[in-house]
């Protein structure tokens, strides 16, 4: 992919995005990061106008990750496995992620 195409994609699709939420925390070697952006317009992959990335894991291991990258839409990763995620609301997304962190990483909120 040409640099101009990448630059155009970044400017067109994410310029004007507003960060709604950010949280990062580390306990021992386990890191947790949650970030949500409000996008200026809908897309096929993001009809809810949100871009998000939630991660819980170590430098070597992803316990769980939720994201909605372009071309894949809403999905989550459990270690090496990837599955579609049915997005309902920000509140439900956070709740599902928190529950997975407790279950898979023994994270205590």
PDB file of N, CA and C in Angstrom:
ATOM      1  N   UNK A   1       0.853  -1.173   0.000  1.00  0.00           N
ATOM      2  CA  UNK A   1       0.000   0.000   0.000  1.00  0.00           C
ATOM      3  C   UNK A   1       0.901   1.239   0.000  1.00  0.00           C
ATOM      4  N   UNK A   2       0.598   2.179  -0.829  1.00  0.00           N
ATOM      5  CA  UNK A   2       1.400   3.393  -0.950  1.00  0.00           C
ATOM      6  C   UNK A   2       1.207   4.280   0.270  1.00  0.00           C
ATOM      7  N   UNK A   3       2.253   5.039   0.598  1.00  0.00           N
ATOM      8  CA  UNK A   3       2.193   5.944   1.743  1.00  0.00           C
ATOM      9  C   UNK A   3       1.051   6.940   1.602  1.00  0.00           C
ATOM     10  N   UNK A   4       0.822   7.460   0.396  1.00  0.00           N
ATOM     11  CA  UNK A   4      -0.261   8.422   0.176  1.00  0.00           C
ATOM     12  C   UNK A   4      -1.620   7.817   0.532  1.00  0.00           C
ATOM     13  N   UNK A   5      -1.812   6.535   0.217  1.00  0.00           N
ATOM     14  CA  UNK A   5      -3.067   5.854   0.533  1.00  0.00           C
ATOM     15  C   UNK A   5      -3.239   5.729   2.034  1.00  0.00           C
ATOM     16  N   UNK A   6      -2.175   5.354   2.737  1.00  0.00           N
ATOM     17  CA  UNK A   6      -2.219   5.237   4.191  1.00  0.00           C
ATOM     18  C   UNK A   6      -2.491   6.593   4.821  1.00  0.00           C
ATOM     19  N   UNK A   7      -1.808   7.620   4.358  1.00  0.00           N
ATOM     20  CA  UNK A   7      -2.001   8.969   4.883  1.00  0.00           C
ATOM     21  C   UNK A   7      -3.433   9.426   4.642  1.00  0.00           C
ATOM     22  N   UNK A   8      -3.960   9.193   3.437  1.00  0.00           N
ATOM     23  CA  UNK A   8      -5.336   9.580   3.117  1.00  0.00           C
ATOM     24  C   UNK A   8      -6.315   8.854   4.039  1.00  0.00           C
ATOM     25  N   UNK A   9      -6.110   7.553   4.246  1.00  0.00           N
ATOM     26  CA  UNK A   9      -6.985   6.782   5.121  1.00  0.00           C
ATOM     27  C   UNK A   9      -6.973   7.367   6.531  1.00  0.00           C
ATOM     28  N   UNK A  10      -5.809   7.647   7.074  1.00  0.00           N
ATOM     29  CA  UNK A  10      -5.700   8.197   8.424  1.00  0.00           C
ATOM     30  C   UNK A  10      -6.384   9.543   8.556  1.00  0.00           C
ATOM     31  N   UNK A  11      -6.188  10.408   7.586  1.00  0.00           N
ATOM     32  CA  UNK A  11      -6.796  11.746   7.626  1.00  0.00           C
ATOM     33  C   UNK A  11      -8.301  11.644   7.404  1.00  0.00           C
ATOM     34  N   UNK A  12      -8.723  10.901   6.401  1.00  0.00           N
ATOM     35  CA  UNK A  12     -10.144  10.795   6.065  1.00  0.00           C
ATOM     36  C   UNK A  12     -10.949  10.109   7.157  1.00  0.00           C
ATOM     37  N   UNK A  13     -10.440   9.003   7.687  1.00  0.00           N
ATOM     38  CA  UNK A  13     -11.232   8.177   8.587  1.00  0.00           C
ATOM     39  C   UNK A  13     -11.100   8.528  10.066  1.00  0.00           C
ATOM     40  N   UNK A  14     -10.008   9.170  10.454  1.00  0.00           N
ATOM     41  CA  UNK A  14      -9.813   9.394  11.881  1.00  0.00           C
ATOM     42  C   UNK A  14      -9.591  10.851  12.264  1.00  0.00           C
ATOM     43  N   UNK A  15      -9.483  11.740  11.289  1.00  0.00           N
ATOM     44  CA  UNK A  15      -9.361  13.161  11.598  1.00  0.00           C
ATOM     45  C   UNK A  15     -10.685  13.605  12.187  1.00  0.00           C
ATOM     46  N   UNK A  16     -10.648  14.270  13.265  1.00  0.00           N
ATOM     47  CA  UNK A  16     -11.875  14.702  13.909  1.00  0.00           C
ATOM     48  C   UNK A  16     -12.401  13.698  14.920  1.00  0.00           C
ATOM     49  N   UNK A  17     -11.719  12.566  15.086  1.00  0.00           N
ATOM     50  CA  UNK A  17     -12.129  11.606  16.106  1.00  0.00           C
ATOM     51  C   UNK A  17     -11.886  12.220  17.473  1.00  0.00           C
ATOM     52  N   UNK A  18     -12.800  11.975  18.374  1.00  0.00           N
ATOM     53  CA  UNK A  18     -12.716  12.545  19.717  1.00  0.00           C
ATOM     54  C   UNK A  18     -12.561  11.404  20.718  1.00  0.00           C
ATOM     55  N   UNK A  19     -11.506  11.472  21.538  1.00  0.00           N
ATOM     56  CA  UNK A  19     -11.296  10.441  22.543  1.00  0.00           C
ATOM     57  C   UNK A  19     -12.346  10.609  23.633  1.00  0.00           C
ATOM     58  N   UNK A  20     -13.153   9.564  23.849  1.00  0.00           N
ATOM     59  CA  UNK A  20     -14.201   9.593  24.858  1.00  0.00           C
ATOM     60  C   UNK A  20     -13.748   9.026  26.192  1.00  0.00           C
ATOM     61  N   UNK A  21     -12.847   8.050  26.125  1.00  0.00           N
ATOM     62  CA  UNK A  21     -12.467   7.341  27.346  1.00  0.00           C
ATOM     63  C   UNK A  21     -11.083   6.740  27.179  1.00  0.00           C
ATOM     64  N   UNK A  22     -10.271   6.818  28.241  1.00  0.00           N
ATOM     65  CA  UNK A  22      -8.963   6.173  28.253  1.00  0.00           C
ATOM     66  C   UNK A  22      -8.641   5.739  29.672  1.00  0.00           C
ATOM     67  N   UNK A  23      -8.210   4.496  29.801  1.00  0.00           N
ATOM     68  CA  UNK A  23      -7.784   3.974  31.097  1.00  0.00           C
ATOM     69  C   UNK A  23      -6.648   2.994  30.857  1.00  0.00           C
ATOM     70  N   UNK A  24      -5.571   3.154  31.622  1.00  0.00           N
ATOM     71  CA  UNK A  24      -4.439   2.227  31.534  1.00  0.00           C
ATOM     72  C   UNK A  24      -3.985   1.921  32.945  1.00  0.00           C
ATOM     73  N   UNK A  25      -3.722   0.641  33.188  1.00  0.00           N
ATOM     74  CA  UNK A  25      -3.326   0.198  34.516  1.00  0.00           C
ATOM     75  C   UNK A  25      -2.425  -1.019  34.365  1.00  0.00           C
ATOM     76  N   UNK A  26      -1.459  -1.142  35.249  1.00  0.00           N
ATOM     77  CA  UNK A  26      -0.563  -2.287  35.245  1.00  0.00           C
ATOM     78  C   UNK A  26      -0.498  -2.868  36.651  1.00  0.00           C
ATOM     79  N   UNK A  27      -0.578  -4.180  36.723  1.00  0.00           N
ATOM     80  CA  UNK A  27      -0.416  -4.896  37.989  1.00  0.00           C
ATOM     81  C   UNK A  27       0.537  -6.043  37.741  1.00  0.00           C
ATOM     82  N   UNK A  28       1.715  -5.938  38.343  1.00  0.00           N
ATOM     83  CA  UNK A  28       2.742  -6.945  38.064  1.00  0.00           C
ATOM     84  C   UNK A  28       3.108  -6.865  36.602  1.00  0.00           C
ATOM     85  N   UNK A  29       3.077  -7.992  35.914  1.00  0.00           N
ATOM     86  CA  UNK A  29       3.400  -7.980  34.481  1.00  0.00           C
ATOM     87  C   UNK A  29       2.157  -7.926  33.595  1.00  0.00           C
ATOM     88  N   UNK A  30       0.976  -7.796  34.201  1.00  0.00           N
ATOM     89  CA  UNK A  30      -0.272  -7.727  33.434  1.00  0.00           C
ATOM     90  C   UNK A  30      -0.670  -6.265  33.228  1.00  0.00           C
ATOM     91  N   UNK A  31      -0.889  -5.915  31.967  1.00  0.00           N
ATOM     92  CA  UNK A  31      -1.311  -4.555  31.606  1.00  0.00           C
ATOM     93  C   UNK A  31      -2.742  -4.593  31.099  1.00  0.00           C
ATOM     94  N   UNK A  32      -3.463  -3.521  31.396  1.00  0.00           N
ATOM     95  CA  UNK A  32      -4.831  -3.374  30.940  1.00  0.00           C
ATOM     96  C   UNK A  32      -4.945  -1.983  30.326  1.00  0.00           C
ATOM     97  N   UNK A  33      -5.515  -1.918  29.122  1.00  0.00           N
ATOM     98  CA  UNK A  33      -5.715  -0.626  28.464  1.00  0.00           C
ATOM     99  C   UNK A  33      -7.078  -0.623  27.794  1.00  0.00           C
ATOM    100  N   UNK A  34      -7.806   0.488  27.977  1.00  0.00           N
ATOM    101  CA  UNK A  34      -9.132   0.653  27.376  1.00  0.00           C
ATOM    102  C   UNK A  34      -9.179   2.040  26.750  1.00  0.00           C
ATOM    103  N   UNK A  35      -9.534   2.116  25.468  1.00  0.00           N
ATOM    104  CA  UNK A  35      -9.653   3.408  24.808  1.00  0.00           C
ATOM    105  C   UNK A  35     -10.831   3.370  23.833  1.00  0.00           C
ATOM    106  N   UNK A  36     -11.613   4.449  23.836  1.00  0.00           N
ATOM    107  CA  UNK A  36     -12.778   4.572  22.953  1.00  0.00           C
ATOM    108  C   UNK A  36     -12.740   5.951  22.301  1.00  0.00           C
ATOM    109  N   UNK A  37     -12.909   5.996  20.977  1.00  0.00           N
ATOM    110  CA  UNK A  37     -13.005   7.257  20.240  1.00  0.00           C
ATOM    111  C   UNK A  37     -14.396   7.371  19.622  1.00  0.00           C
ATOM    112  N   UNK A  38     -14.911   8.584  19.572  1.00  0.00           N
ATOM    113  CA  UNK A  38     -16.130   8.895  18.815  1.00  0.00           C
ATOM    114  C   UNK A  38     -15.676   9.346  17.435  1.00  0.00           C
ATOM    115  N   UNK A  39     -16.125   8.693  16.386  1.00  0.00           N
ATOM    116  CA  UNK A  39     -15.733   9.035  15.024  1.00  0.00           C
ATOM    117  C   UNK A  39     -16.696  10.052  14.431  1.00  0.00           C
ATOM    118  N   UNK A  40     -16.222  10.859  13.479  1.00  0.00           N
ATOM    119  CA  UNK A  40     -17.084  11.895  12.904  1.00  0.00           C
ATOM    120  C   UNK A  40     -18.203  11.357  12.016  1.00  0.00           C
ATOM    121  N   UNK A  41     -18.059  10.120  11.525  1.00  0.00           N
ATOM    122  CA  UNK A  41     -19.109   9.559  10.674  1.00  0.00           C
ATOM    123  C   UNK A  41     -19.144   8.049  10.773  1.00  0.00           C
ATOM    124  N   UNK A  42     -20.254   7.467  10.378  1.00  0.00           N
ATOM    125  CA  UNK A  42     -20.430   6.017  10.373  1.00  0.00           C
ATOM    126  C   UNK A  42     -19.637   5.385   9.240  1.00  0.00           C
ATOM    127  N   UNK A  43     -19.367   4.091   9.392  1.00  0.00           N
ATOM    128  CA  UNK A  43     -18.787   3.310   8.307  1.00  0.00           C
ATOM    129  C   UNK A  43     -19.406   1.912   8.370  1.00  0.00           C
ATOM    130  N   UNK A  44     -19.124   1.104   7.397  1.00  0.00           N
ATOM    131  CA  UNK A  44     -19.639  -0.264   7.379  1.00  0.00           C
ATOM    132  C   UNK A  44     -19.129  -1.031   8.594  1.00  0.00           C
ATOM    133  N   UNK A  45     -17.852  -0.861   8.917  1.00  0.00           N
ATOM    134  CA  UNK A  45     -17.249  -1.564  10.055  1.00  0.00           C
ATOM    135  C   UNK A  45     -17.609  -0.946  11.396  1.00  0.00           C
ATOM    136  N   UNK A  46     -18.042   0.313  11.382  1.00  0.00           N
ATOM    137  CA  UNK A  46     -18.336   1.020  12.636  1.00  0.00           C
ATOM    138  C   UNK A  46     -19.642   1.808  12.521  1.00  0.00           C
ATOM    139  N   UNK A  47     -20.777   1.112  12.407  1.00  0.00           N
ATOM    140  CA  UNK A  47     -22.063   1.809  12.264  1.00  0.00           C
ATOM    141  C   UNK A  47     -22.442   2.614  13.512  1.00  0.00           C
ATOM    142  N   UNK A  48     -21.832   2.291  14.638  1.00  0.00           N
ATOM    143  CA  UNK A  48     -22.090   2.993  15.899  1.00  0.00           C
ATOM    144  C   UNK A  48     -21.210   4.225  16.069  1.00  0.00           C
ATOM    145  N   UNK A  49     -20.363   4.514  15.068  1.00  0.00           N
ATOM    146  CA  UNK A  49     -19.460   5.670  15.058  1.00  0.00           C
ATOM    147  C   UNK A  49     -18.445   5.652  16.196  1.00  0.00           C
ATOM    148  N   UNK A  50     -18.061   4.457  16.627  1.00  0.00           N
ATOM    149  CA  UNK A  50     -17.055   4.318  17.676  1.00  0.00           C
ATOM    150  C   UNK A  50     -15.902   3.471  17.183  1.00  0.00           C
ATOM    151  N   UNK A  51     -14.719   3.840  17.619  1.00  0.00           N
ATOM    152  CA  UNK A  51     -13.541   3.002  17.431  1.00  0.00           C
ATOM    153  C   UNK A  51     -13.038   2.703  18.828  1.00  0.00           C
ATOM    154  N   UNK A  52     -12.732   1.439  19.102  1.00  0.00           N
ATOM    155  CA  UNK A  52     -12.283   1.082  20.447  1.00  0.00           C
ATOM    156  C   UNK A  52     -11.199   0.009  20.387  1.00  0.00           C
ATOM    157  N   UNK A  53     -10.439  -0.025  21.474  1.00  0.00           N
ATOM    158  CA  UNK A  53      -9.403  -1.050  21.642  1.00  0.00           C
ATOM    159  C   UNK A  53      -9.275  -1.299  23.138  1.00  0.00           C
ATOM    160  N   UNK A  54      -9.592  -2.507  23.561  1.00  0.00           N
ATOM    161  CA  UNK A  54      -9.447  -2.906  24.958  1.00  0.00           C
ATOM    162  C   UNK A  54      -8.482  -4.085  24.983  1.00  0.00           C
ATOM    163  N   UNK A  55      -7.486  -4.035  25.850  1.00  0.00           N
ATOM    164  CA  UNK A  55      -6.463  -5.076  25.907  1.00  0.00           C
ATOM    165  C   UNK A  55      -6.175  -5.453  27.346  1.00  0.00           C
ATOM    166  N   UNK A  56      -5.998  -6.736  27.600  1.00  0.00           N
ATOM    167  CA  UNK A  56      -5.538  -7.238  28.886  1.00  0.00           C
ATOM    168  C   UNK A  56      -4.563  -8.367  28.602  1.00  0.00           C
ATOM    169  N   UNK A  57      -3.323  -8.199  29.066  1.00  0.00           N
ATOM    170  CA  UNK A  57      -2.322  -9.232  28.835  1.00  0.00           C
ATOM    171  C   UNK A  57      -0.954  -8.809  29.303  1.00  0.00           C
ATOM    172  N   UNK A  58       0.029  -9.583  28.922  1.00  0.00           N
ATOM    173  CA  UNK A  58       1.423  -9.290  29.238  1.00  0.00           C
ATOM    174  C   UNK A  58       2.140  -8.960  27.933  1.00  0.00           C
ATOM    175  N   UNK A  59       3.428  -8.690  28.027  1.00  0.00           N
ATOM    176  CA  UNK A  59       4.215  -8.420  26.820  1.00  0.00           C
ATOM    177  C   UNK A  59       4.223  -9.636  25.890  1.00  0.00           C
ATOM    178  N   UNK A  60       4.082 -10.831  26.463  1.00  0.00           N
ATOM    179  CA  UNK A  60       4.131 -12.060  25.672  1.00  0.00           C
ATOM    180  C   UNK A  60       2.767 -12.657  25.342  1.00  0.00           C
ATOM    181  N   UNK A  61       1.742 -12.350  26.149  1.00  0.00           N
ATOM    182  CA  UNK A  61       0.465 -13.046  26.032  1.00  0.00           C
ATOM    183  C   UNK A  61      -0.711 -12.089  26.043  1.00  0.00           C
ATOM    184  N   UNK A  62      -1.595 -12.263  25.090  1.00  0.00           N
ATOM    185  CA  UNK A  62      -2.864 -11.533  25.082  1.00  0.00           C
ATOM    186  C   UNK A  62      -3.907 -12.436  25.730  1.00  0.00           C
ATOM    187  N   UNK A  63      -4.403 -12.047  26.909  1.00  0.00           N
ATOM    188  CA  UNK A  63      -5.474 -12.818  27.539  1.00  0.00           C
ATOM    189  C   UNK A  63      -6.789 -12.542  26.821  1.00  0.00           C
ATOM    190  N   UNK A  64      -7.061 -11.253  26.606  1.00  0.00           N
ATOM    191  CA  UNK A  64      -8.280 -10.871  25.897  1.00  0.00           C
ATOM    192  C   UNK A  64      -8.087  -9.490  25.279  1.00  0.00           C
ATOM    193  N   UNK A  65      -8.648  -9.303  24.089  1.00  0.00           N
ATOM    194  CA  UNK A  65      -8.605  -7.997  23.424  1.00  0.00           C
ATOM    195  C   UNK A  65      -9.899  -7.818  22.635  1.00  0.00           C
ATOM    196  N   UNK A  66     -10.494  -6.664  22.789  1.00  0.00           N
ATOM    197  CA  UNK A  66     -11.684  -6.287  22.017  1.00  0.00           C
ATOM    198  C   UNK A  66     -11.283  -5.117  21.132  1.00  0.00           C
ATOM    199  N   UNK A  67     -11.633  -5.164  19.855  1.00  0.00           N
ATOM    200  CA  UNK A  67     -11.376  -4.027  18.974  1.00  0.00           C
ATOM    201  C   UNK A  67     -12.273  -4.104  17.749  1.00  0.00           C
ATOM    202  N   UNK A  68     -12.202  -3.065  16.945  1.00  0.00           N
ATOM    203  CA  UNK A  68     -13.011  -3.034  15.721  1.00  0.00           C
ATOM    204  C   UNK A  68     -12.221  -2.391  14.590  1.00  0.00           C
ATOM    205  N   UNK A  69     -11.135  -3.050  14.258  1.00  0.00           N
ATOM    206  CA  UNK A  69     -10.285  -2.533  13.193  1.00  0.00           C
ATOM    207  C   UNK A  69     -10.993  -2.575  11.843  1.00  0.00           C
ATOM    208  N   UNK A  70     -10.560  -1.720  10.951  1.00  0.00           N
ATOM    209  CA  UNK A  70     -11.133  -1.648   9.614  1.00  0.00           C
ATOM    210  C   UNK A  70     -10.993  -2.990   8.911  1.00  0.00           C
ATOM    211  N   UNK A  71     -12.068  -3.422   8.292  1.00  0.00           N
ATOM    212  CA  UNK A  71     -12.066  -4.681   7.562  1.00  0.00           C
ATOM    213  C   UNK A  71     -12.555  -5.864   8.380  1.00  0.00           C
ATOM    214  N   UNK A  72     -12.605  -5.707   9.707  1.00  0.00           N
ATOM    215  CA  UNK A  72     -13.043  -6.809  10.570  1.00  0.00           C
ATOM    216  C   UNK A  72     -14.281  -6.459  11.390  1.00  0.00           C
ATOM    217  N   UNK A  73     -14.504  -5.193  11.644  1.00  0.00           N
ATOM    218  CA  UNK A  73     -15.631  -4.811  12.487  1.00  0.00           C
ATOM    219  C   UNK A  73     -15.418  -5.229  13.931  1.00  0.00           C
ATOM    220  N   UNK A  74     -16.501  -5.298  14.684  1.00  0.00           N
ATOM    221  CA  UNK A  74     -16.431  -5.625  16.106  1.00  0.00           C
ATOM    222  C   UNK A  74     -16.037  -7.088  16.298  1.00  0.00           C
ATOM    223  N   UNK A  75     -14.975  -7.313  17.082  1.00  0.00           N
ATOM    224  CA  UNK A  75     -14.541  -8.670  17.366  1.00  0.00           C
ATOM    225  C   UNK A  75     -13.699  -8.692  18.635  1.00  0.00           C
ATOM    226  N   UNK A  76     -13.449  -9.889  19.136  1.00  0.00           N
ATOM    227  CA  UNK A  76     -12.592 -10.036  20.310  1.00  0.00           C
ATOM    228  C   UNK A  76     -11.634 -11.198  20.115  1.00  0.00           C
ATOM    229  N   UNK A  77     -10.536 -11.108  20.821  1.00  0.00           N
ATOM    230  CA  UNK A  77      -9.484 -12.122  20.771  1.00  0.00           C
ATOM    231  C   UNK A  77      -9.373 -12.756  22.150  1.00  0.00           C
ATOM    232  N   UNK A  78      -9.333 -14.062  22.168  1.00  0.00           N
ATOM    233  CA  UNK A  78      -9.021 -14.817  23.377  1.00  0.00           C
ATOM    234  C   UNK A  78      -7.730 -15.551  23.069  1.00  0.00           C
ATOM    235  N   UNK A  79      -6.624 -15.033  23.554  1.00  0.00           N
ATOM    236  CA  UNK A  79      -5.343 -15.631  23.193  1.00  0.00           C
ATOM    237  C   UNK A  79      -5.164 -15.554  21.693  1.00  0.00           C
ATOM    238  N   UNK A  80      -5.012 -16.688  21.049  1.00  0.00           N
ATOM    239  CA  UNK A  80      -4.822 -16.743  19.598  1.00  0.00           C
ATOM    240  C   UNK A  80      -6.141 -16.819  18.828  1.00  0.00           C
ATOM    241  N   UNK A  81      -7.244 -17.064  19.522  1.00  0.00           N
ATOM    242  CA  UNK A  81      -8.543 -17.197  18.860  1.00  0.00           C
ATOM    243  C   UNK A  81      -9.205 -15.837  18.677  1.00  0.00           C
ATOM    244  N   UNK A  82      -9.961 -15.718  17.605  1.00  0.00           N
ATOM    245  CA  UNK A  82     -10.671 -14.481  17.292  1.00  0.00           C
ATOM    246  C   UNK A  82     -12.123 -14.824  16.968  1.00  0.00           C
ATOM    247  N   UNK A  83     -13.053 -14.011  17.491  1.00  0.00           N
ATOM    248  CA  UNK A  83     -14.470 -14.267  17.255  1.00  0.00           C
ATOM    249  C   UNK A  83     -15.211 -12.949  17.093  1.00  0.00           C
ATOM    250  N   UNK A  84     -16.291 -12.976  16.334  1.00  0.00           N
ATOM    251  CA  UNK A  84     -17.148 -11.810  16.164  1.00  0.00           C
ATOM    252  C   UNK A  84     -17.680 -11.380  17.529  1.00  0.00           C
ATOM    253  N   UNK A  85     -17.819 -10.077  17.731  1.00  0.00           N
ATOM    254  CA  UNK A  85     -18.428  -9.545  18.952  1.00  0.00           C
ATOM    255  C   UNK A  85     -19.660  -8.742  18.552  1.00  0.00           C
ATOM    256  N   UNK A  86     -20.789  -9.039  19.160  1.00  0.00           N
ATOM    257  CA  UNK A  86     -22.028  -8.319  18.869  1.00  0.00           C
ATOM    258  C   UNK A  86     -22.077  -7.070  19.751  1.00  0.00           C
ATOM    259  N   UNK A  87     -21.743  -5.921  19.176  1.00  0.00           N
ATOM    260  CA  UNK A  87     -21.742  -4.660  19.919  1.00  0.00           C
ATOM    261  C   UNK A  87     -23.181  -4.227  20.188  1.00  0.00           C
ATOM    262  N   UNK A  88     -23.478  -3.928  21.468  1.00  0.00           N
ATOM    263  CA  UNK A  88     -24.802  -3.457  21.857  1.00  0.00           C
ATOM    264  C   UNK A  88     -24.753  -2.030  22.385  1.00  0.00           C
ATOM    265  N   UNK A  89     -23.757  -1.744  23.236  1.00  0.00           N
ATOM    266  CA  UNK A  89     -23.603  -0.419  23.832  1.00  0.00           C
ATOM    267  C   UNK A  89     -22.214  -0.316  24.444  1.00  0.00           C
ATOM    268  N   UNK A  90     -21.792   0.899  24.725  1.00  0.00           N
ATOM    269  CA  UNK A  90     -20.503   1.090  25.399  1.00  0.00           C
ATOM    270  C   UNK A  90     -20.534   0.418  26.767  1.00  0.00           C
ATOM    271  N   UNK A  91     -21.634   0.569  27.476  1.00  0.00           N
ATOM    272  CA  UNK A  91     -21.745  -0.020  28.815  1.00  0.00           C
ATOM    273  C   UNK A  91     -21.601  -1.540  28.777  1.00  0.00           C
ATOM    274  N   UNK A  92     -22.240  -2.154  27.800  1.00  0.00           N
ATOM    275  CA  UNK A  92     -22.155  -3.620  27.670  1.00  0.00           C
ATOM    276  C   UNK A  92     -20.754  -4.048  27.249  1.00  0.00           C
ATOM    277  N   UNK A  93     -20.120  -3.293  26.361  1.00  0.00           N
ATOM    278  CA  UNK A  93     -18.749  -3.568  25.938  1.00  0.00           C
ATOM    279  C   UNK A  93     -17.818  -3.574  27.148  1.00  0.00           C
ATOM    280  N   UNK A  94     -17.910  -2.540  27.973  1.00  0.00           N
ATOM    281  CA  UNK A  94     -17.066  -2.444  29.169  1.00  0.00           C
ATOM    282  C   UNK A  94     -17.364  -3.604  30.118  1.00  0.00           C
ATOM    283  N   UNK A  95     -18.626  -3.900  30.325  1.00  0.00           N
ATOM    284  CA  UNK A  95     -19.009  -5.002  31.218  1.00  0.00           C
ATOM    285  C   UNK A  95     -18.467  -6.342  30.721  1.00  0.00           C
ATOM    286  N   UNK A  96     -18.612  -6.620  29.424  1.00  0.00           N
ATOM    287  CA  UNK A  96     -18.112  -7.877  28.858  1.00  0.00           C
ATOM    288  C   UNK A  96     -16.598  -7.975  28.997  1.00  0.00           C
ATOM    289  N   UNK A  97     -15.896  -6.872  28.709  1.00  0.00           N
ATOM    290  CA  UNK A  97     -14.440  -6.866  28.826  1.00  0.00           C
ATOM    291  C   UNK A  97     -14.019  -7.090  30.276  1.00  0.00           C
ATOM    292  N   UNK A  98     -14.640  -6.385  31.197  1.00  0.00           N
ATOM    293  CA  UNK A  98     -14.304  -6.544  32.618  1.00  0.00           C
ATOM    294  C   UNK A  98     -14.505  -7.988  33.070  1.00  0.00           C
ATOM    295  N   UNK A  99     -15.615  -8.593  32.665  1.00  0.00           N
ATOM    296  CA  UNK A  99     -15.882  -9.983  33.037  1.00  0.00           C
ATOM    297  C   UNK A  99     -14.827 -10.928  32.463  1.00  0.00           C
ATOM    298  N   UNK A 100     -14.422 -10.697  31.210  1.00  0.00           N
ATOM    299  CA  UNK A 100     -13.380 -11.531  30.603  1.00  0.00           C
ATOM    300  C   UNK A 100     -12.040 -11.358  31.319  1.00  0.00           C
ATOM    301  N   UNK A 101     -11.724 -10.145  31.741  1.00  0.00           N
ATOM    302  CA  UNK A 101     -10.464  -9.903  32.463  1.00  0.00           C
ATOM    303  C   UNK A 101     -10.448 -10.656  33.789  1.00  0.00           C
ATOM    304  N   UNK A 102     -11.572 -10.669  34.483  1.00  0.00           N
ATOM    305  CA  UNK A 102     -11.680 -11.411  35.746  1.00  0.00           C
ATOM    306  C   UNK A 102     -11.498 -12.904  35.478  1.00  0.00           C
ATOM    307  N   UNK A 103     -12.200 -13.396  34.470  1.00  0.00           N
ATOM    308  CA  UNK A 103     -12.204 -14.831  34.167  1.00  0.00           C
ATOM    309  C   UNK A 103     -10.870 -15.320  33.606  1.00  0.00           C
ATOM    310  N   UNK A 104     -10.275 -14.553  32.706  1.00  0.00           N
ATOM    311  CA  UNK A 104      -9.081 -15.030  31.996  1.00  0.00           C
ATOM    312  C   UNK A 104      -7.756 -14.571  32.607  1.00  0.00           C
ATOM    313  N   UNK A 105      -7.765 -13.440  33.298  1.00  0.00           N
ATOM    314  CA  UNK A 105      -6.506 -12.921  33.850  1.00  0.00           C
ATOM    315  C   UNK A 105      -6.556 -12.786  35.376  1.00  0.00           C
ATOM    316  N   UNK A 106      -7.671 -13.239  35.966  1.00  0.00           N
ATOM    317  CA  UNK A 106      -7.863 -13.110  37.415  1.00  0.00           C
ATOM    318  C   UNK A 106      -7.697 -11.664  37.873  1.00  0.00           C
ATOM    319  N   UNK A 107      -8.132 -10.753  37.016  1.00  0.00           N
ATOM    320  CA  UNK A 107      -8.046  -9.313  37.312  1.00  0.00           C
ATOM    321  C   UNK A 107      -9.120  -8.955  38.320  1.00  0.00           C
ATOM    322  N   UNK A 108      -8.780  -8.164  39.300  1.00  0.00           N
ATOM    323  CA  UNK A 108      -9.749  -7.717  40.299  1.00  0.00           C
ATOM    324  C   UNK A 108     -10.033  -6.241  40.085  1.00  0.00           C
ATOM    325  N   UNK A 109     -11.292  -5.920  39.879  1.00  0.00           N
ATOM    326  CA  UNK A 109     -11.690  -4.534  39.684  1.00  0.00           C
ATOM    327  C   UNK A 109     -11.967  -3.954  41.041  1.00  0.00           C
TER     328      UNK A 109
END
